[in-house]
PDB file of N, CA and C in Angstrom:
ATOM      1  N   MET A   1    -248.490 -28.293  -5.298  1.00  0.00           N
ATOM      2  CA  MET A   1    -248.862 -26.310  -5.457  1.00  0.00           C
ATOM      3  C   MET A   1    -249.342 -26.117  -6.828  1.00  0.00           C
ATOM      4  N   GLU A   2    -250.085 -25.296  -6.680  1.00  0.00           N
ATOM      5  CA  GLU A   2    -251.299 -24.614  -7.278  1.00  0.00           C
ATOM      6  C   GLU A   2    -251.132 -23.671  -7.791  1.00  0.00           C
ATOM      7  N   TRP A   3    -251.748 -22.988  -8.796  1.00  0.00           N
ATOM      8  CA  TRP A   3    -252.010 -22.006  -9.591  1.00  0.00           C
ATOM      9  C   TRP A   3    -252.712 -21.172  -8.762  1.00  0.00           C
ATOM     10  N   LYS A   4    -253.018 -19.219  -7.975  1.00  0.00           N
ATOM     11  CA  LYS A   4    -253.825 -19.340  -6.871  1.00  0.00           C
ATOM     12  C   LYS A   4    -253.998 -17.875  -7.413  1.00  0.00           C
ATOM     13  N   LEU A   5    -255.463 -17.542  -7.599  1.00  0.00           N
ATOM     14  CA  LEU A   5    -255.509 -16.247  -7.733  1.00  0.00           C
ATOM     15  C   LEU A   5    -256.039 -14.955  -6.682  1.00  0.00           C
ATOM     16  N   VAL A   6    -255.093 -14.224  -6.398  1.00  0.00           N
ATOM     17  CA  VAL A   6    -255.079 -13.641  -5.173  1.00  0.00           C
ATOM     18  C   VAL A   6    -255.008 -12.099  -5.456  1.00  0.00           C
ATOM     19  N   ARG A   7    -256.025 -11.465  -4.491  1.00  0.00           N
ATOM     20  CA  ARG A   7    -256.170 -10.139  -4.313  1.00  0.00           C
ATOM     21  C   ARG A   7    -255.784  -9.468  -3.755  1.00  0.00           C
ATOM     22  N   LEU A   8    -254.808  -7.526  -4.157  1.00  0.00           N
ATOM     23  CA  LEU A   8    -254.542  -7.273  -3.153  1.00  0.00           C
ATOM     24  C   LEU A   8    -255.046  -5.938  -3.507  1.00  0.00           C
ATOM     25  N   GLU A   9    -255.504  -5.603  -2.338  1.00  0.00           N
ATOM     26  CA  GLU A   9    -256.249  -4.179  -2.022  1.00  0.00           C
ATOM     27  C   GLU A   9    -255.315  -3.167  -1.514  1.00  0.00           C
ATOM     28  N   LEU A  10    -255.558  -1.594  -1.818  1.00  0.00           N
ATOM     29  CA  LEU A  10    -254.257  -1.031  -1.360  1.00  0.00           C
ATOM     30  C   LEU A  10    -255.013  -0.979   0.810  1.00  0.00           C
ATOM     31  N   ALA A  11    -253.804  -1.254   1.506  1.00  0.00           N
ATOM     32  CA  ALA A  11    -253.769  -1.011   2.419  1.00  0.00           C
ATOM     33  C   ALA A  11    -254.026   0.360   3.411  1.00  0.00           C
ATOM     34  N   SER A  12    -253.877   0.514   4.562  1.00  0.00           N
ATOM     35  CA  SER A  12    -254.249   1.893   5.489  1.00  0.00           C
ATOM     36  C   SER A  12    -253.142   2.526   4.563  1.00  0.00           C
ATOM     37  N   ASN A  13    -253.276   4.117   5.201  1.00  0.00           N
ATOM     38  CA  ASN A  13    -252.512   4.505   4.645  1.00  0.00           C
ATOM     39  C   ASN A  13    -252.665   6.402   5.074  1.00  0.00           C
ATOM     40  N   GLY A  14    -251.744   7.192   5.052  1.00  0.00           N
ATOM     41  CA  GLY A  14    -251.620   8.650   5.637  1.00  0.00           C
ATOM     42  C   GLY A  14    -253.558   8.920   4.274  1.00  0.00           C
ATOM     43  N   GLU A  15    -253.382   8.525   3.110  1.00  0.00           N
ATOM     44  CA  GLU A  15    -254.194   9.134   2.049  1.00  0.00           C
ATOM     45  C   GLU A  15    -255.755   8.476   2.343  1.00  0.00           C
ATOM     46  N   PHE A  16    -254.984   7.283   2.482  1.00  0.00           N
ATOM     47  CA  PHE A  16    -256.368   6.474   2.080  1.00  0.00           C
ATOM     48  C   PHE A  16    -256.629   5.395   3.880  1.00  0.00           C
ATOM     49  N   PRO A  17    -257.251   6.093   5.538  1.00  0.00           N
ATOM     50  CA  PRO A  17    -256.758   5.480   6.310  1.00  0.00           C
ATOM     51  C   PRO A  17    -257.596   4.092   6.162  1.00  0.00           C
ATOM     52  N   ARG A  18    -258.800   3.965   5.506  1.00  0.00           N
ATOM     53  CA  ARG A  18    -259.178   2.593   5.958  1.00  0.00           C
ATOM     54  C   ARG A  18    -259.069   1.623   4.902  1.00  0.00           C
ATOM     55  N   GLY A  19    -258.003   1.850   4.015  1.00  0.00           N
ATOM     56  CA  GLY A  19    -257.366   1.425   2.239  1.00  0.00           C
ATOM     57  C   GLY A  19    -258.170   1.839   1.270  1.00  0.00           C
ATOM     58  N   SER A  20    -258.153   1.087   0.401  1.00  0.00           N
ATOM     59  CA  SER A  20    -258.846   1.331  -0.738  1.00  0.00           C
ATOM     60  C   SER A  20    -259.026   0.309  -1.773  1.00  0.00           C
ATOM     61  N   ALA A  21    -260.579  -0.610  -1.719  1.00  0.00           N
ATOM     62  CA  ALA A  21    -260.520  -1.614  -3.045  1.00  0.00           C
ATOM     63  C   ALA A  21    -261.194  -1.295  -4.229  1.00  0.00           C
ATOM     64  N   GLY A  22    -260.687   0.579  -4.351  1.00  0.00           N
ATOM     65  CA  GLY A  22    -260.484   0.825  -5.846  1.00  0.00           C
ATOM     66  C   GLY A  22    -259.011   1.043  -6.097  1.00  0.00           C
ATOM     67  N   ARG A  23    -258.556   0.293  -5.664  1.00  0.00           N
ATOM     68  CA  ARG A  23    -256.805  -0.085  -6.088  1.00  0.00           C
ATOM     69  C   ARG A  23    -256.076  -1.252  -5.788  1.00  0.00           C
ATOM     70  N   THR A  24    -256.333  -1.883  -6.278  1.00  0.00           N
ATOM     71  CA  THR A  24    -256.368  -3.445  -6.660  1.00  0.00           C
ATOM     72  C   THR A  24    -255.186  -3.587  -7.281  1.00  0.00           C
ATOM     73  N   TYR A  25    -254.515  -5.160  -6.963  1.00  0.00           N
ATOM     74  CA  TYR A  25    -254.514  -5.634  -7.806  1.00  0.00           C
ATOM     75  C   TYR A  25    -254.582  -6.938  -7.971  1.00  0.00           C
ATOM     76  N   LEU A  26    -254.458  -7.680  -8.955  1.00  0.00           N
ATOM     77  CA  LEU A  26    -254.890  -9.166  -9.098  1.00  0.00           C
ATOM     78  C   LEU A  26    -253.805  -9.621 -10.070  1.00  0.00           C
ATOM     79  N   LEU A  27    -253.475 -10.896  -9.599  1.00  0.00           N
ATOM     80  CA  LEU A  27    -252.338 -11.475  -9.558  1.00  0.00           C
ATOM     81  C   LEU A  27    -252.364 -13.275 -10.008  1.00  0.00           C
ATOM     82  N   ARG A  28    -252.197 -13.724 -11.221  1.00  0.00           N
ATOM     83  CA  ARG A  28    -252.119 -15.345 -11.615  1.00  0.00           C
ATOM     84  C   ARG A  28    -250.997 -15.932 -10.293  1.00  0.00           C
ATOM     85  N   LEU A  29    -250.430 -16.499  -9.339  1.00  0.00           N
ATOM     86  CA  LEU A  29    -249.382 -16.795  -9.364  1.00  0.00           C
ATOM     87  C   LEU A  29    -249.357 -18.428  -8.510  1.00  0.00           C
ATOM     88  N   PRO A  30    -248.559 -19.562  -8.838  1.00  0.00           N
ATOM     89  CA  PRO A  30    -248.067 -20.760  -8.215  1.00  0.00           C
ATOM     90  C   PRO A  30    -247.585 -20.584  -6.810  1.00  0.00           C
ATOM     91  N   LEU A  31    -248.686 -21.010  -6.081  1.00  0.00           N
ATOM     92  CA  LEU A  31    -248.532 -20.892  -4.898  1.00  0.00           C
ATOM     93  C   LEU A  31    -248.455 -22.336  -3.983  1.00  0.00           C
ATOM     94  N   ALA A  32    -247.486 -22.348  -3.153  1.00  0.00           N
ATOM     95  CA  ALA A  32    -247.347 -23.897  -2.276  1.00  0.00           C
ATOM     96  C   ALA A  32    -248.302 -23.120  -0.632  1.00  0.00           C
ATOM     97  N   ASP A  33    -249.043 -24.050  -0.258  1.00  0.00           N
ATOM     98  CA  ASP A  33    -250.268 -24.557   0.795  1.00  0.00           C
ATOM     99  C   ASP A  33    -249.659 -23.352   1.734  1.00  0.00           C
ATOM    100  N   ASP A  34    -247.937 -23.024   2.255  1.00  0.00           N
ATOM    101  CA  ASP A  34    -248.052 -21.913   2.932  1.00  0.00           C
ATOM    102  C   ASP A  34    -247.295 -20.365   2.254  1.00  0.00           C
ATOM    103  N   GLY A  35    -248.269 -19.928   1.609  1.00  0.00           N
ATOM    104  CA  GLY A  35    -248.614 -19.575   0.881  1.00  0.00           C
ATOM    105  C   GLY A  35    -246.539 -18.877  -0.095  1.00  0.00           C
ATOM    106  N   HIS A  36    -246.384 -19.731   0.132  1.00  0.00           N
ATOM    107  CA  HIS A  36    -244.611 -19.559  -0.984  1.00  0.00           C
ATOM    108  C   HIS A  36    -245.102 -19.139  -2.249  1.00  0.00           C
ATOM    109  N   VAL A  37    -244.131 -18.196  -2.931  1.00  0.00           N
ATOM    110  CA  VAL A  37    -244.829 -18.428  -4.324  1.00  0.00           C
ATOM    111  C   VAL A  37    -243.153 -19.314  -4.851  1.00  0.00           C
ATOM    112  N   ASP A  38    -243.724 -20.072  -5.705  1.00  0.00           N
ATOM    113  CA  ASP A  38    -242.955 -21.196  -6.599  1.00  0.00           C
ATOM    114  C   ASP A  38    -242.291 -21.102  -7.597  1.00  0.00           C
ATOM    115  N   CYS A  39    -241.041 -20.336  -7.546  1.00  0.00           N
ATOM    116  CA  CYS A  39    -240.125 -19.306  -8.374  1.00  0.00           C
ATOM    117  C   CYS A  39    -239.832 -20.674  -9.722  1.00  0.00           C
ATOM    118  N   THR A  40    -239.868 -21.535  -9.351  1.00  0.00           N
ATOM    119  CA  THR A  40    -238.969 -22.889 -10.260  1.00  0.00           C
ATOM    120  C   THR A  40    -239.948 -23.070 -11.679  1.00  0.00           C
ATOM    121  N   ARG A  41    -241.370 -22.554 -11.098  1.00  0.00           N
ATOM    122  CA  ARG A  41    -242.832 -23.013 -11.805  1.00  0.00           C
ATOM    123  C   ARG A  41    -243.230 -22.265 -12.295  1.00  0.00           C
ATOM    124  N   LEU A  42    -242.944 -20.814 -11.880  1.00  0.00           N
ATOM    125  CA  LEU A  42    -242.810 -19.114 -12.685  1.00  0.00           C
ATOM    126  C   LEU A  42    -241.734 -19.330 -13.936  1.00  0.00           C
ATOM    127  N   ALA A  43    -241.100 -19.370 -13.443  1.00  0.00           N
ATOM    128  CA  ALA A  43    -239.723 -19.584 -13.551  1.00  0.00           C
ATOM    129  C   ALA A  43    -240.434 -20.451 -15.505  1.00  0.00           C
ATOM    130  N   ALA A  44    -241.027 -21.829 -15.257  1.00  0.00           N
ATOM    131  CA  ALA A  44    -241.110 -22.659 -16.435  1.00  0.00           C
ATOM    132  C   ALA A  44    -242.140 -22.109 -17.229  1.00  0.00           C
ATOM    133  N   GLU A  45    -243.390 -21.290 -16.454  1.00  0.00           N
ATOM    134  CA  GLU A  45    -244.458 -20.671 -16.985  1.00  0.00           C
ATOM    135  C   GLU A  45    -244.804 -20.224 -16.513  1.00  0.00           C
ATOM    136  N   PRO A  46    -244.098 -18.643 -17.594  1.00  0.00           N
ATOM    137  CA  PRO A  46    -243.822 -17.301 -17.509  1.00  0.00           C
ATOM    138  C   PRO A  46    -245.475 -16.502 -17.599  1.00  0.00           C
ATOM    139  N   GLU A  47    -245.870 -17.635 -18.986  1.00  0.00           N
ATOM    140  CA  GLU A  47    -247.206 -16.675 -19.483  1.00  0.00           C
ATOM    141  C   GLU A  47    -247.996 -16.425 -18.693  1.00  0.00           C
ATOM    142  N   ARG A  48    -247.662 -17.685 -17.229  1.00  0.00           N
ATOM    143  CA  ARG A  48    -249.092 -18.071 -17.142  1.00  0.00           C
ATOM    144  C   ARG A  48    -249.520 -16.745 -15.780  1.00  0.00           C
ATOM    145  N   ALA A  49    -248.181 -16.219 -15.402  1.00  0.00           N
ATOM    146  CA  ALA A  49    -248.123 -15.505 -14.081  1.00  0.00           C
ATOM    147  C   ALA A  49    -249.240 -13.730 -14.406  1.00  0.00           C
ATOM    148  N   VAL A  50    -250.137 -13.948 -14.794  1.00  0.00           N
ATOM    149  CA  VAL A  50    -250.617 -12.726 -15.346  1.00  0.00           C
ATOM    150  C   VAL A  50    -250.917 -11.913 -13.762  1.00  0.00           C
ATOM    151  N   VAL A  51    -250.576 -10.134 -14.277  1.00  0.00           N
ATOM    152  CA  VAL A  51    -250.857  -9.561 -13.112  1.00  0.00           C
ATOM    153  C   VAL A  51    -251.907  -8.107 -14.163  1.00  0.00           C
ATOM    154  N   ARG A  52    -252.815  -8.448 -13.066  1.00  0.00           N
ATOM    155  CA  ARG A  52    -253.405  -7.074 -13.505  1.00  0.00           C
ATOM    156  C   ARG A  52    -254.076  -5.782 -12.254  1.00  0.00           C
ATOM    157  N   ARG A  53    -253.977  -4.335 -12.699  1.00  0.00           N
ATOM    158  CA  ARG A  53    -253.870  -3.585 -11.619  1.00  0.00           C
ATOM    159  C   ARG A  53    -254.776  -3.380 -11.972  1.00  0.00           C
ATOM    160  N   TYR A  54    -256.132  -2.836 -10.863  1.00  0.00           N
ATOM    161  CA  TYR A  54    -257.272  -1.924 -11.549  1.00  0.00           C
ATOM    162  C   TYR A  54    -257.351  -0.389 -10.393  1.00  0.00           C
ATOM    163  N   TRP A  55    -256.858   0.734 -10.844  1.00  0.00           N
ATOM    164  CA  TRP A  55    -256.709   1.564 -10.211  1.00  0.00           C
ATOM    165  C   TRP A  55    -257.666   2.584 -10.851  1.00  0.00           C
ATOM    166  N   ALA A  56    -258.747   3.146  -9.548  1.00  0.00           N
ATOM    167  CA  ALA A  56    -259.653   4.166 -10.011  1.00  0.00           C
ATOM    168  C   ALA A  56    -259.461   5.605 -10.896  1.00  0.00           C
ATOM    169  N   ASN A  57    -260.006   6.130 -11.648  1.00  0.00           N
ATOM    170  CA  ASN A  57    -259.761   6.597 -12.378  1.00  0.00           C
ATOM    171  C   ASN A  57    -258.894   6.712 -13.684  1.00  0.00           C
ATOM    172  N   GLU A  58    -258.817   5.167 -13.459  1.00  0.00           N
ATOM    173  CA  GLU A  58    -257.165   5.270 -14.512  1.00  0.00           C
ATOM    174  C   GLU A  58    -257.575   3.818 -15.351  1.00  0.00           C
ATOM    175  N   ALA A  59    -256.944   3.475 -16.438  1.00  0.00           N
ATOM    176  CA  ALA A  59    -256.801   2.770 -17.745  1.00  0.00           C
ATOM    177  C   ALA A  59    -256.600   2.066 -17.206  1.00  0.00           C
ATOM    178  N   ASP A  60    -256.832   0.054 -16.855  1.00  0.00           N
ATOM    179  CA  ASP A  60    -256.454  -0.775 -16.606  1.00  0.00           C
ATOM    180  C   ASP A  60    -255.338  -1.461 -17.161  1.00  0.00           C
ATOM    181  N   ARG A  61    -254.061  -1.829 -15.996  1.00  0.00           N
ATOM    182  CA  ARG A  61    -252.528  -2.224 -16.242  1.00  0.00           C
ATOM    183  C   ARG A  61    -252.769  -3.811 -16.465  1.00  0.00           C
ATOM    184  N   ILE A  62    -252.111  -4.295 -17.636  1.00  0.00           N
ATOM    185  CA  ILE A  62    -252.012  -5.961 -17.207  1.00  0.00           C
ATOM    186  C   ILE A  62    -250.206  -5.982 -18.224  1.00  0.00           C
ATOM    187  N   GLY A  63    -250.227  -7.345 -17.176  1.00  0.00           N
ATOM    188  CA  GLY A  63    -248.463  -7.720 -17.354  1.00  0.00           C
ATOM    189  C   GLY A  63    -248.266  -8.759 -16.896  1.00  0.00           C
ATOM    190  N   HIS A  64    -247.289  -8.800 -16.323  1.00  0.00           N
ATOM    191  CA  HIS A  64    -246.819 -10.522 -15.396  1.00  0.00           C
ATOM    192  C   HIS A  64    -246.010 -10.477 -14.536  1.00  0.00           C
ATOM    193  N   LEU A  65    -245.776 -11.377 -14.078  1.00  0.00           N
ATOM    194  CA  LEU A  65    -245.230 -11.168 -12.655  1.00  0.00           C
ATOM    195  C   LEU A  65    -243.583 -11.958 -12.824  1.00  0.00           C
ATOM    196  N   VAL A  66    -242.219 -11.472 -12.658  1.00  0.00           N
ATOM    197  CA  VAL A  66    -241.054 -12.384 -13.280  1.00  0.00           C
ATOM    198  C   VAL A  66    -240.077 -12.324 -12.213  1.00  0.00           C
ATOM    199  N   GLY A  67    -239.394 -13.220 -12.151  1.00  0.00           N
ATOM    200  CA  GLY A  67    -238.459 -13.317 -11.166  1.00  0.00           C
ATOM    201  C   GLY A  67    -237.487 -12.590 -11.771  1.00  0.00           C
ATOM    202  N   THR A  68    -236.103 -11.655 -10.935  1.00  0.00           N
ATOM    203  CA  THR A  68    -235.647 -11.481 -11.122  1.00  0.00           C
ATOM    204  C   THR A  68    -234.554 -11.811 -10.859  1.00  0.00           C
ATOM    205  N   SER A  69    -232.995 -11.250 -11.061  1.00  0.00           N
ATOM    206  CA  SER A  69    -232.367 -11.611  -9.577  1.00  0.00           C
ATOM    207  C   SER A  69    -232.134 -10.645  -8.381  1.00  0.00           C
ATOM    208  N   ALA A  70    -233.025  -9.684  -8.523  1.00  0.00           N
ATOM    209  CA  ALA A  70    -233.101  -8.957  -7.128  1.00  0.00           C
ATOM    210  C   ALA A  70    -234.648  -9.522  -6.047  1.00  0.00           C
ATOM    211  N   GLY A  71    -235.324 -10.510  -6.814  1.00  0.00           N
ATOM    212  CA  GLY A  71    -236.542 -10.681  -6.458  1.00  0.00           C
ATOM    213  C   GLY A  71    -237.524 -10.768  -7.247  1.00  0.00           C
ATOM    214  N   LEU A  72    -238.820 -10.945  -7.022  1.00  0.00           N
ATOM    215  CA  LEU A  72    -239.898 -11.345  -8.112  1.00  0.00           C
ATOM    216  C   LEU A  72    -239.992  -9.557  -8.270  1.00  0.00           C
ATOM    217  N   ALA A  73    -240.674  -9.146  -9.727  1.00  0.00           N
ATOM    218  CA  ALA A  73    -240.682  -7.746  -9.803  1.00  0.00           C
ATOM    219  C   ALA A  73    -242.180  -8.296 -11.128  1.00  0.00           C
ATOM    220  N   ILE A  74    -242.463  -7.098 -11.631  1.00  0.00           N
ATOM    221  CA  ILE A  74    -244.413  -7.013 -12.395  1.00  0.00           C
ATOM    222  C   ILE A  74    -243.983  -6.027 -13.544  1.00  0.00           C
ATOM    223  N   ARG A  75    -244.147  -6.792 -14.536  1.00  0.00           N
ATOM    224  CA  ARG A  75    -243.273  -6.319 -15.507  1.00  0.00           C
ATOM    225  C   ARG A  75    -245.084  -6.488 -16.466  1.00  0.00           C
ATOM    226  N   TYR A  76    -245.203  -4.820 -16.304  1.00  0.00           N
ATOM    227  CA  TYR A  76    -246.278  -4.502 -17.420  1.00  0.00           C
ATOM    228  C   TYR A  76    -246.250  -4.596 -18.848  1.00  0.00           C
ATOM    229  N   GLU A  77    -247.469  -5.097 -20.073  1.00  0.00           N
ATOM    230  CA  GLU A  77    -246.973  -4.656 -21.013  1.00  0.00           C
ATOM    231  C   GLU A  77    -247.049  -3.641 -22.100  1.00  0.00           C
ATOM    232  N   VAL A  78    -246.488  -3.215 -22.787  1.00  0.00           N
ATOM    233  CA  VAL A  78    -246.252  -1.507 -23.156  1.00  0.00           C
ATOM    234  C   VAL A  78    -246.218  -1.842 -25.175  1.00  0.00           C
ATOM    235  N   ASN A  79    -247.147  -0.984 -25.328  1.00  0.00           N
ATOM    236  CA  ASN A  79    -246.840  -0.794 -26.715  1.00  0.00           C
ATOM    237  C   ASN A  79    -246.730  -2.316 -27.383  1.00  0.00           C
ATOM    238  N   ASP A  80    -248.090  -3.120 -26.727  1.00  0.00           N
ATOM    239  CA  ASP A  80    -247.897  -4.803 -27.025  1.00  0.00           C
ATOM    240  C   ASP A  80    -247.022  -5.598 -27.153  1.00  0.00           C
ATOM    241  N   ASN A  81    -246.042  -5.245 -26.650  1.00  0.00           N
ATOM    242  CA  ASN A  81    -245.517  -6.050 -25.838  1.00  0.00           C
ATOM    243  C   ASN A  81    -245.094  -6.104 -24.273  1.00  0.00           C
ATOM    244  N   SER A  82    -243.774  -7.400 -23.874  1.00  0.00           N
ATOM    245  CA  SER A  82    -244.044  -7.084 -22.555  1.00  0.00           C
ATOM    246  C   SER A  82    -242.619  -7.083 -22.437  1.00  0.00           C
ATOM    247  N   ASN A  83    -241.547  -5.431 -22.348  1.00  0.00           N
ATOM    248  CA  ASN A  83    -240.845  -5.665 -21.985  1.00  0.00           C
ATOM    249  C   ASN A  83    -240.904  -3.676 -21.178  1.00  0.00           C
ATOM    250  N   GLY A  84    -241.692  -4.004 -21.294  1.00  0.00           N
ATOM    251  CA  GLY A  84    -241.736  -2.231 -20.417  1.00  0.00           C
ATOM    252  C   GLY A  84    -240.714  -2.721 -19.171  1.00  0.00           C
ATOM    253  N   PRO A  85    -241.122  -1.424 -18.999  1.00  0.00           N
ATOM    254  CA  PRO A  85    -240.027  -1.046 -16.987  1.00  0.00           C
ATOM    255  C   PRO A  85    -240.504  -1.982 -15.560  1.00  0.00           C
ATOM    256  N   LEU A  86    -239.448  -2.502 -15.003  1.00  0.00           N
ATOM    257  CA  LEU A  86    -239.786  -3.437 -14.002  1.00  0.00           C
ATOM    258  C   LEU A  86    -240.416  -3.339 -12.663  1.00  0.00           C
ATOM    259  N   PHE A  87    -241.433  -3.340 -12.151  1.00  0.00           N
ATOM    260  CA  PHE A  87    -241.887  -2.685 -10.621  1.00  0.00           C
ATOM    261  C   PHE A  87    -241.571  -3.882  -9.386  1.00  0.00           C
ATOM    262  N   PRO A  88    -240.790  -3.479  -8.835  1.00  0.00           N
ATOM    263  CA  PRO A  88    -240.526  -4.847  -7.242  1.00  0.00           C
ATOM    264  C   PRO A  88    -241.781  -4.796  -6.874  1.00  0.00           C
ATOM    265  N   PHE A  89    -241.692  -6.634  -6.171  1.00  0.00           N
ATOM    266  CA  PHE A  89    -242.976  -6.970  -5.987  1.00  0.00           C
ATOM    267  C   PHE A  89    -241.536  -7.707  -4.768  1.00  0.00           C
ATOM    268  N   GLY A  90    -242.481  -6.395  -3.514  1.00  0.00           N
ATOM    269  CA  GLY A  90    -241.848  -7.322  -1.568  1.00  0.00           C
ATOM    270  C   GLY A  90    -242.499  -8.547  -1.235  1.00  0.00           C
ATOM    271  N   ALA A  91    -242.847  -9.538  -2.271  1.00  0.00           N
ATOM    272  CA  ALA A  91    -243.265 -10.773  -0.948  1.00  0.00           C
ATOM    273  C   ALA A  91    -242.586 -11.939  -1.678  1.00  0.00           C
ATOM    274  N   ASP A  92    -242.699 -12.927  -1.007  1.00  0.00           N
ATOM    275  CA  ASP A  92    -242.364 -14.113  -1.926  1.00  0.00           C
ATOM    276  C   ASP A  92    -243.641 -15.277  -0.719  1.00  0.00           C
ATOM    277  N   ARG A  93    -243.989 -14.485   0.609  1.00  0.00           N
ATOM    278  CA  ARG A  93    -245.394 -15.297   0.552  1.00  0.00           C
ATOM    279  C   ARG A  93    -246.408 -14.384   0.881  1.00  0.00           C
ATOM    280  N   LEU A  94    -247.409 -14.962   0.552  1.00  0.00           N
ATOM    281  CA  LEU A  94    -248.913 -14.397   0.943  1.00  0.00           C
ATOM    282  C   LEU A  94    -249.225 -15.431   1.233  1.00  0.00           C
ATOM    283  N   SER A  95    -250.086 -14.495   2.089  1.00  0.00           N
ATOM    284  CA  SER A  95    -251.409 -14.646   3.030  1.00  0.00           C
ATOM    285  C   SER A  95    -252.618 -14.110   3.272  1.00  0.00           C
ATOM    286  N   LEU A  96    -253.141 -15.136   3.277  1.00  0.00           N
ATOM    287  CA  LEU A  96    -255.365 -14.025   3.641  1.00  0.00           C
ATOM    288  C   LEU A  96    -255.075 -13.185   4.857  1.00  0.00           C
ATOM    289  N   GLY A  97    -255.326 -11.279   4.611  1.00  0.00           N
ATOM    290  CA  GLY A  97    -254.672 -10.503   5.194  1.00  0.00           C
ATOM    291  C   GLY A  97    -253.493 -10.301   5.897  1.00  0.00           C
ATOM    292  N   GLY A  98    -252.455 -10.328   5.135  1.00  0.00           N
ATOM    293  CA  GLY A  98    -251.093 -10.237   4.781  1.00  0.00           C
ATOM    294  C   GLY A  98    -251.085  -9.317   4.458  1.00  0.00           C
ATOM    295  N   GLU A  99    -250.011  -8.446   4.090  1.00  0.00           N
ATOM    296  CA  GLU A  99    -249.474  -7.451   3.805  1.00  0.00           C
ATOM    297  C   GLU A  99    -248.192  -7.600   3.389  1.00  0.00           C
ATOM    298  N   VAL A 100    -248.352  -6.550   1.405  1.00  0.00           N
ATOM    299  CA  VAL A 100    -247.026  -6.811   0.990  1.00  0.00           C
ATOM    300  C   VAL A 100    -246.968  -5.461   0.414  1.00  0.00           C
ATOM    301  N   LYS A 101    -245.483  -5.212   0.198  1.00  0.00           N
ATOM    302  CA  LYS A 101    -244.991  -3.979  -0.426  1.00  0.00           C
ATOM    303  C   LYS A 101    -244.451  -3.944  -1.903  1.00  0.00           C
ATOM    304  N   LEU A 102    -245.461  -3.244  -2.913  1.00  0.00           N
ATOM    305  CA  LEU A 102    -245.249  -3.107  -4.360  1.00  0.00           C
ATOM    306  C   LEU A 102    -244.723  -1.563  -4.627  1.00  0.00           C
ATOM    307  N   THR A 103    -244.101  -1.409  -5.612  1.00  0.00           N
ATOM    308  CA  THR A 103    -243.802  -0.080  -5.998  1.00  0.00           C
ATOM    309  C   THR A 103    -243.922  -0.032  -7.286  1.00  0.00           C
ATOM    310  N   ASP A 104    -245.394   1.012  -7.436  1.00  0.00           N
ATOM    311  CA  ASP A 104    -246.538   1.021  -8.039  1.00  0.00           C
ATOM    312  C   ASP A 104    -246.225   2.370  -9.238  1.00  0.00           C
ATOM    313  N   VAL A 105    -246.246   2.362 -10.060  1.00  0.00           N
ATOM    314  CA  VAL A 105    -246.087   2.693 -11.599  1.00  0.00           C
ATOM    315  C   VAL A 105    -245.384   4.934 -11.850  1.00  0.00           C
ATOM    316  N   ASP A 106    -246.099   4.363 -10.407  1.00  0.00           N
ATOM    317  CA  ASP A 106    -245.446   6.848 -10.154  1.00  0.00           C
ATOM    318  C   ASP A 106    -244.208   6.450  -9.329  1.00  0.00           C
ATOM    319  N   GLY A 107    -243.748   5.149  -9.105  1.00  0.00           N
ATOM    320  CA  GLY A 107    -241.976   4.646  -8.284  1.00  0.00           C
ATOM    321  C   GLY A 107    -242.879   4.914  -6.708  1.00  0.00           C
ATOM    322  N   ARG A 108    -243.964   4.703  -6.842  1.00  0.00           N
ATOM    323  CA  ARG A 108    -243.964   4.791  -5.207  1.00  0.00           C
ATOM    324  C   ARG A 108    -244.195   3.470  -4.418  1.00  0.00           C
ATOM    325  N   GLU A 109    -243.990   3.193  -3.020  1.00  0.00           N
ATOM    326  CA  GLU A 109    -243.560   2.410  -2.749  1.00  0.00           C
ATOM    327  C   GLU A 109    -245.027   2.217  -2.050  1.00  0.00           C
ATOM    328  N   ARG A 110    -245.877   1.208  -1.816  1.00  0.00           N
ATOM    329  CA  ARG A 110    -247.322   1.077  -1.451  1.00  0.00           C
ATOM    330  C   ARG A 110    -247.123  -0.125  -0.322  1.00  0.00           C
ATOM    331  N   ASP A 111    -247.890   0.103   0.380  1.00  0.00           N
ATOM    332  CA  ASP A 111    -248.680  -1.476   0.932  1.00  0.00           C
ATOM    333  C   ASP A 111    -250.101  -1.560   0.679  1.00  0.00           C
ATOM    334  N   PHE A 112    -250.190  -3.100   0.271  1.00  0.00           N
ATOM    335  CA  PHE A 112    -251.315  -4.226  -0.117  1.00  0.00           C
ATOM    336  C   PHE A 112    -251.849  -5.063   1.122  1.00  0.00           C
ATOM    337  N   ARG A 113    -252.615  -5.221   1.377  1.00  0.00           N
ATOM    338  CA  ARG A 113    -252.827  -6.075   1.965  1.00  0.00           C
ATOM    339  C   ARG A 113    -253.650  -7.429   1.055  1.00  0.00           C
ATOM    340  N   VAL A 114    -253.592  -8.588   1.408  1.00  0.00           N
ATOM    341  CA  VAL A 114    -254.055  -9.620   0.348  1.00  0.00           C
ATOM    342  C   VAL A 114    -255.180  -9.955   1.429  1.00  0.00           C
ATOM    343  N   ALA A 115    -256.002  -9.670   0.062  1.00  0.00           N
ATOM    344  CA  ALA A 115    -257.328  -9.612   0.851  1.00  0.00           C
ATOM    345  C   ALA A 115    -258.215 -10.737   0.356  1.00  0.00           C
ATOM    346  N   SER A 116    -258.180 -11.643  -0.200  1.00  0.00           N
ATOM    347  CA  SER A 116    -258.454 -13.371  -1.209  1.00  0.00           C
ATOM    348  C   SER A 116    -257.677 -13.890  -1.899  1.00  0.00           C
ATOM    349  N   VAL A 117    -256.958 -15.479  -1.682  1.00  0.00           N
ATOM    350  CA  VAL A 117    -256.853 -15.825  -2.327  1.00  0.00           C
ATOM    351  C   VAL A 117    -257.379 -17.386  -2.594  1.00  0.00           C
ATOM    352  N   THR A 118    -257.801 -17.533  -3.812  1.00  0.00           N
ATOM    353  CA  THR A 118    -258.151 -18.521  -4.236  1.00  0.00           C
ATOM    354  C   THR A 118    -257.602 -19.283  -5.582  1.00  0.00           C
TER     355      THR A 118
END
């Protein structure tokens, strides 16, 4: 089990037929060789599971991936603490070229493509 850096880019949709590399998430996660998130390791080292949201024409957002009773979620830092709202992260397995559903900060669920895993 290694900590990996995963880049998610907005997948093709009605607004962006080719997707958008300008709407990206970078996530540092503990991943098994088969792409499953190691939730035990995530719970043991939560400070390492950093999420950074890059969105065209908006300030970057930084947060962490956290385990919840409903699955994984992103919690962004708000006012210098990490007690902001939770945004569901709809994947427990990440593979290159695969898609992931995320609930974004505007409350809309969007599909993102796994652009890289390093």
